[in-house]
């Protein structure tokens, strides 16, 4: 589901869970294990996270798979999944390595959170972000709200997180959430940047990252998450959302 390989001092993590890299609990656990493994590789200075799925970085949490079963089972799955996304984001943010997200298409919900946890985000012209949580009564309690607000400011964070409007690559770039790549090959451009960064002082980069990221990610707002996950409103909305959603 995740391919790992090295190119010099660069580690590449390619996500592949067709058709759209929807993240279930198993996928998220494996993602976290991969990050823990990468952290042990002292020769790796930079990490590129990309997608093998065409025209999509990730569609976010696999709500279709999580919404089956009894109400309390659905709620527990969502709470666990959101907590795992927060752990993944925290692992990326606290790492001494530099992470680059190569975003080749759609990034939805918690996929935006993981991308925002990366130090650098490069966009293809086909990239777009979407936070549909208000549609199904969920809550981006995985750290995404903090990261988006810190990067784009409160006004843009409200625009993105409350209006449920998809924003394209140009809008993402203008908000300061990511940098649009001039190269058609976003993964190639990300690799080139990663290789260049790997030639710099690792100690300086790690210290710089630690200073910039200090206080950037709060704890999981567990009480608000539990309330959202167990609410009748979410249970009423999520089936309709899953039925009508597409990438």
Protein backbone atom coordinates (compact mmCIF):
# COMPACT_ATOMS: atom_id res chain seq x y z
CA UNK A 1 0.00 0.00 0.00
CA UNK A 2 2.98 2.29 0.53
CA UNK A 3 6.14 1.85 -1.53
CA UNK A 4 9.40 2.91 0.10
CA UNK A 5 12.68 3.37 -1.73
CA UNK A 6 15.82 5.46 -1.52
CA UNK A 7 17.36 7.81 -4.04
CA UNK A 8 20.61 8.82 -2.39
CA UNK A 9 19.75 10.67 0.83
CA UNK A 10 16.10 10.96 -0.24
CA UNK A 11 13.44 8.51 0.90
CA UNK A 12 10.37 8.25 -1.33
CA UNK A 13 7.01 7.19 0.09
CA UNK A 14 4.49 6.41 -2.65
CA UNK A 15 0.91 5.93 -1.52
CA UNK A 16 -1.11 3.37 -3.45
CA UNK A 17 -4.55 2.27 -2.36
CA UNK A 18 -6.72 2.38 -5.44
CA UNK A 19 -8.74 4.08 -6.61
CA UNK A 20 -8.07 7.22 -4.55
CA UNK A 21 -5.78 6.42 -1.59
CA UNK A 22 -8.72 6.45 0.82
CA UNK A 23 -7.23 5.92 4.29
CA UNK A 24 -8.73 3.25 6.52
CA UNK A 25 -7.33 2.36 9.93
CA UNK A 26 -5.07 -0.37 8.56
CA UNK A 27 -3.61 2.02 5.97
CA UNK A 28 -3.04 4.73 8.60
CA UNK A 29 -1.33 2.30 10.98
CA UNK A 30 0.97 1.16 8.20
CA UNK A 31 1.65 4.80 7.25
CA UNK A 32 2.73 5.50 10.84
CA UNK A 33 4.91 2.37 10.92
CA UNK A 34 6.60 3.51 7.70
CA UNK A 35 7.38 6.90 9.24
CA UNK A 36 8.83 5.25 12.34
CA UNK A 37 11.01 3.07 10.11
CA UNK A 38 12.17 6.06 8.04
CA UNK A 39 13.13 7.95 11.20
CA UNK A 40 15.65 5.20 12.03
CA UNK A 41 17.54 5.70 8.74
CA UNK A 42 20.30 8.15 9.61
CA UNK A 43 21.41 8.44 5.97
CA UNK A 44 18.00 9.82 4.94
CA UNK A 45 17.83 13.62 5.08
CA UNK A 46 14.65 14.34 3.14
CA UNK A 47 11.42 12.46 2.46
CA UNK A 48 9.07 12.87 -0.52
CA UNK A 49 5.47 11.71 -0.05
CA UNK A 50 3.67 11.18 -3.34
CA UNK A 51 0.84 9.15 -4.85
CA UNK A 52 0.77 6.36 -7.40
CA UNK A 53 -2.97 6.92 -7.93
CA UNK A 54 -3.71 9.00 -11.00
CA UNK A 55 -4.89 12.59 -10.41
CA UNK A 56 -5.28 12.19 -6.65
CA UNK A 57 -3.01 12.60 -3.65
CA UNK A 58 -5.58 11.11 -1.27
CA UNK A 59 -9.34 11.27 -0.82
CA UNK A 60 -8.88 11.34 2.96
CA UNK A 61 -10.48 8.99 5.45
CA UNK A 62 -12.24 5.95 4.00
CA UNK A 63 -15.64 6.94 5.34
CA UNK A 64 -17.35 4.37 3.14
CA UNK A 65 -15.47 1.54 4.80
CA UNK A 66 -15.75 3.04 8.27
CA UNK A 67 -19.49 3.72 8.15
CA UNK A 68 -20.55 0.05 8.05
CA UNK A 69 -21.90 -1.60 11.18
CA UNK A 70 -23.48 -0.35 14.38
CA UNK A 71 -23.43 3.33 15.31
CA UNK A 72 -20.96 2.94 18.17
CA UNK A 73 -18.59 0.94 15.93
CA UNK A 74 -18.63 3.72 13.32
CA UNK A 75 -17.92 6.32 16.00
CA UNK A 76 -14.99 4.37 17.44
CA UNK A 77 -13.46 3.81 13.99
CA UNK A 78 -13.62 7.51 13.18
CA UNK A 79 -12.09 8.50 16.54
CA UNK A 80 -9.26 6.00 16.02
CA UNK A 81 -8.64 7.15 12.45
CA UNK A 82 -8.54 10.84 13.39
CA UNK A 83 -6.15 10.05 16.27
CA UNK A 84 -3.87 8.15 13.88
CA UNK A 85 -3.79 11.07 11.43
CA UNK A 86 -2.76 13.33 14.32
CA UNK A 87 0.04 10.91 15.27
CA UNK A 88 1.23 10.84 11.64
CA UNK A 89 1.21 14.62 11.46
CA UNK A 90 3.04 14.93 14.78
CA UNK A 91 5.67 12.43 13.64
CA UNK A 92 6.31 14.45 10.46
CA UNK A 93 6.37 17.79 12.27
CA UNK A 94 8.69 16.62 15.05
CA UNK A 95 11.09 14.84 12.69
CA UNK A 96 14.54 16.27 12.01
CA UNK A 97 14.14 15.22 8.38
CA UNK A 98 12.59 17.54 5.79
CA UNK A 99 9.32 16.28 4.33
CA UNK A 100 8.02 17.31 0.91
CA UNK A 101 4.47 16.50 -0.27
CA UNK A 102 4.14 16.11 -4.04
CA UNK A 103 0.45 16.80 -4.61
CA UNK A 104 -0.62 15.69 -8.07
CA UNK A 105 -4.39 16.11 -7.72
CA UNK A 106 -7.14 15.96 -5.11
CA UNK A 107 -6.30 16.20 -1.41
CA UNK A 108 -9.41 15.83 0.73
CA UNK A 109 -10.04 16.06 4.47
CA UNK A 110 -7.33 14.40 6.53
CA UNK A 111 -5.11 14.16 3.44
CA UNK A 112 -4.87 17.96 3.59
CA UNK A 113 -3.77 17.65 7.23
CA UNK A 114 -0.96 15.24 6.35
CA UNK A 115 0.14 17.44 3.46
CA UNK A 116 0.11 20.51 5.72
CA UNK A 117 2.28 18.67 8.26
CA UNK A 118 4.98 18.39 5.60
CA UNK A 119 7.59 21.14 5.46
CA UNK A 120 7.13 21.87 1.76
CA UNK A 121 4.17 21.20 -0.52
CA UNK A 122 4.51 21.27 -4.30
CA UNK A 123 1.34 21.33 -6.39
CA UNK A 124 0.57 20.25 -9.91
CA UNK A 125 -1.80 22.53 -11.81
CA UNK A 126 -4.45 19.83 -11.39
CA UNK A 127 -4.22 19.86 -7.58
CA UNK A 128 -7.14 20.90 -5.38
CA UNK A 129 -8.05 20.86 -1.70
CA UNK A 130 -11.44 20.09 -0.20
CA UNK A 131 -12.55 19.91 3.45
CA UNK A 132 -16.07 18.42 3.41
CA UNK A 133 -16.37 17.80 7.18
CA UNK A 134 -19.37 20.13 7.69
CA UNK A 135 -21.26 18.11 5.06
CA UNK A 136 -21.16 14.88 7.06
CA UNK A 137 -20.95 16.35 10.57
CA UNK A 138 -17.32 15.38 11.16
CA UNK A 139 -14.54 17.49 12.65
CA UNK A 140 -11.01 18.06 11.37
CA UNK A 141 -9.68 17.41 14.88
CA UNK A 142 -6.54 15.71 13.58
CA UNK A 143 -4.45 18.90 13.69
CA UNK A 144 -5.51 20.17 10.30
CA UNK A 145 -7.32 23.23 11.65
CA UNK A 146 -4.20 24.34 13.54
CA UNK A 147 -1.91 23.79 10.56
CA UNK A 148 -4.19 25.54 8.06
CA UNK A 149 -4.74 28.53 10.34
CA UNK A 150 -1.00 28.87 11.03
CA UNK A 151 -0.18 28.85 7.32
CA UNK A 152 -3.10 30.73 5.79
CA UNK A 153 -4.44 32.89 8.63
CA UNK A 154 -7.82 32.74 10.35
CA UNK A 155 -9.83 34.31 7.52
CA UNK A 156 -8.58 31.88 4.87
CA UNK A 157 -8.89 28.96 7.31
CA UNK A 158 -12.56 29.81 7.85
CA UNK A 159 -13.07 30.16 4.11
CA UNK A 160 -11.59 26.73 3.45
CA UNK A 161 -12.92 24.84 6.49
CA UNK A 162 -16.46 26.27 6.72
CA UNK A 163 -17.68 26.91 3.17
CA UNK A 164 -16.99 23.38 1.84
CA UNK A 165 -15.70 24.92 -1.39
CA UNK A 166 -13.01 23.16 -3.37
CA UNK A 167 -9.99 25.39 -3.97
CA UNK A 168 -7.75 24.92 -6.98
CA UNK A 169 -3.96 25.03 -7.21
CA UNK A 170 -3.87 28.77 -7.86
CA UNK A 171 -6.03 29.50 -4.82
CA UNK A 172 -4.00 27.12 -2.66
CA UNK A 173 -0.84 28.90 -3.78
CA UNK A 174 -2.32 32.36 -3.14
CA UNK A 175 -3.39 31.37 0.38
CA UNK A 176 0.18 30.33 1.16
CA UNK A 177 -0.82 26.73 1.78
CA UNK A 178 1.50 25.31 -0.87
CA UNK A 179 3.72 26.25 -3.80
CA UNK A 180 2.62 25.56 -7.35
CA UNK A 181 5.29 23.74 -9.31
CA UNK A 182 6.31 25.21 -12.64
CA UNK A 183 7.30 21.70 -13.72
CA UNK A 184 4.57 19.45 -15.14
CA UNK A 185 6.18 16.54 -13.29
CA UNK A 186 5.45 17.48 -9.67
CA UNK A 187 7.09 14.34 -8.29
CA UNK A 188 10.21 15.00 -10.36
CA UNK A 189 10.32 18.61 -9.16
CA UNK A 190 9.89 17.42 -5.57
CA UNK A 191 12.72 14.92 -5.97
CA UNK A 192 14.99 17.59 -7.42
CA UNK A 193 14.22 19.89 -4.48
CA UNK A 194 14.72 17.06 -1.97
CA UNK A 195 18.10 16.16 -3.44
CA UNK A 196 19.20 19.79 -3.31
CA UNK A 197 18.06 20.19 0.30
CA UNK A 198 19.86 16.96 1.23
CA UNK A 199 23.16 18.59 0.27
CA UNK A 200 22.72 21.34 2.87
CA UNK A 201 23.65 21.27 6.56
CA UNK A 202 21.42 18.68 8.21
CA UNK A 203 21.94 20.23 11.64
CA UNK A 204 20.95 23.69 10.45
CA UNK A 205 17.88 22.39 8.64
CA UNK A 206 16.74 20.35 11.66
CA UNK A 207 17.21 23.30 14.04
CA UNK A 208 15.42 25.66 11.64
CA UNK A 209 12.50 23.25 11.32
CA UNK A 210 12.23 22.84 15.10
CA UNK A 211 12.10 26.62 15.64
CA UNK A 212 9.51 27.22 12.92
CA UNK A 213 7.31 24.28 13.97
CA UNK A 214 7.35 25.06 17.69
CA UNK A 215 3.74 25.12 18.89
CA UNK A 216 2.33 24.59 15.39
CA UNK A 217 0.32 21.47 16.26
CA UNK A 218 -1.94 21.28 19.29
CA UNK A 219 -3.31 18.16 20.93
CA UNK A 220 -6.28 16.28 19.56
CA UNK A 221 -9.42 18.05 20.76
CA UNK A 222 -10.71 14.75 22.02
CA UNK A 223 -13.88 16.01 23.69
CA UNK A 224 -15.05 17.83 20.55
CA UNK A 225 -14.08 14.81 18.44
CA UNK A 226 -16.02 12.40 20.65
CA UNK A 227 -19.07 14.65 20.57
CA UNK A 228 -18.94 14.86 16.78
CA UNK A 229 -18.31 11.14 16.28
CA UNK A 230 -21.18 10.09 18.54
CA UNK A 231 -23.66 12.72 17.42
CA UNK A 232 -26.96 11.82 15.79
CA UNK A 233 -26.28 14.55 13.25
CA UNK A 234 -23.18 12.78 11.92
CA UNK A 235 -24.93 9.43 11.81
CA UNK A 236 -27.76 10.97 9.79
CA UNK A 237 -25.42 12.78 7.40
CA UNK A 238 -22.55 10.34 6.81
CA UNK A 239 -24.47 7.75 4.79
CA UNK A 240 -25.79 10.45 2.45
CA UNK A 241 -22.30 11.95 2.13
CA UNK A 242 -20.72 8.60 1.26
CA UNK A 243 -23.46 7.91 -1.29
CA UNK A 244 -23.00 11.23 -3.08
CA UNK A 245 -19.28 11.94 -2.70
CA UNK A 246 -16.74 11.53 -5.47
CA UNK A 247 -13.18 12.65 -6.20
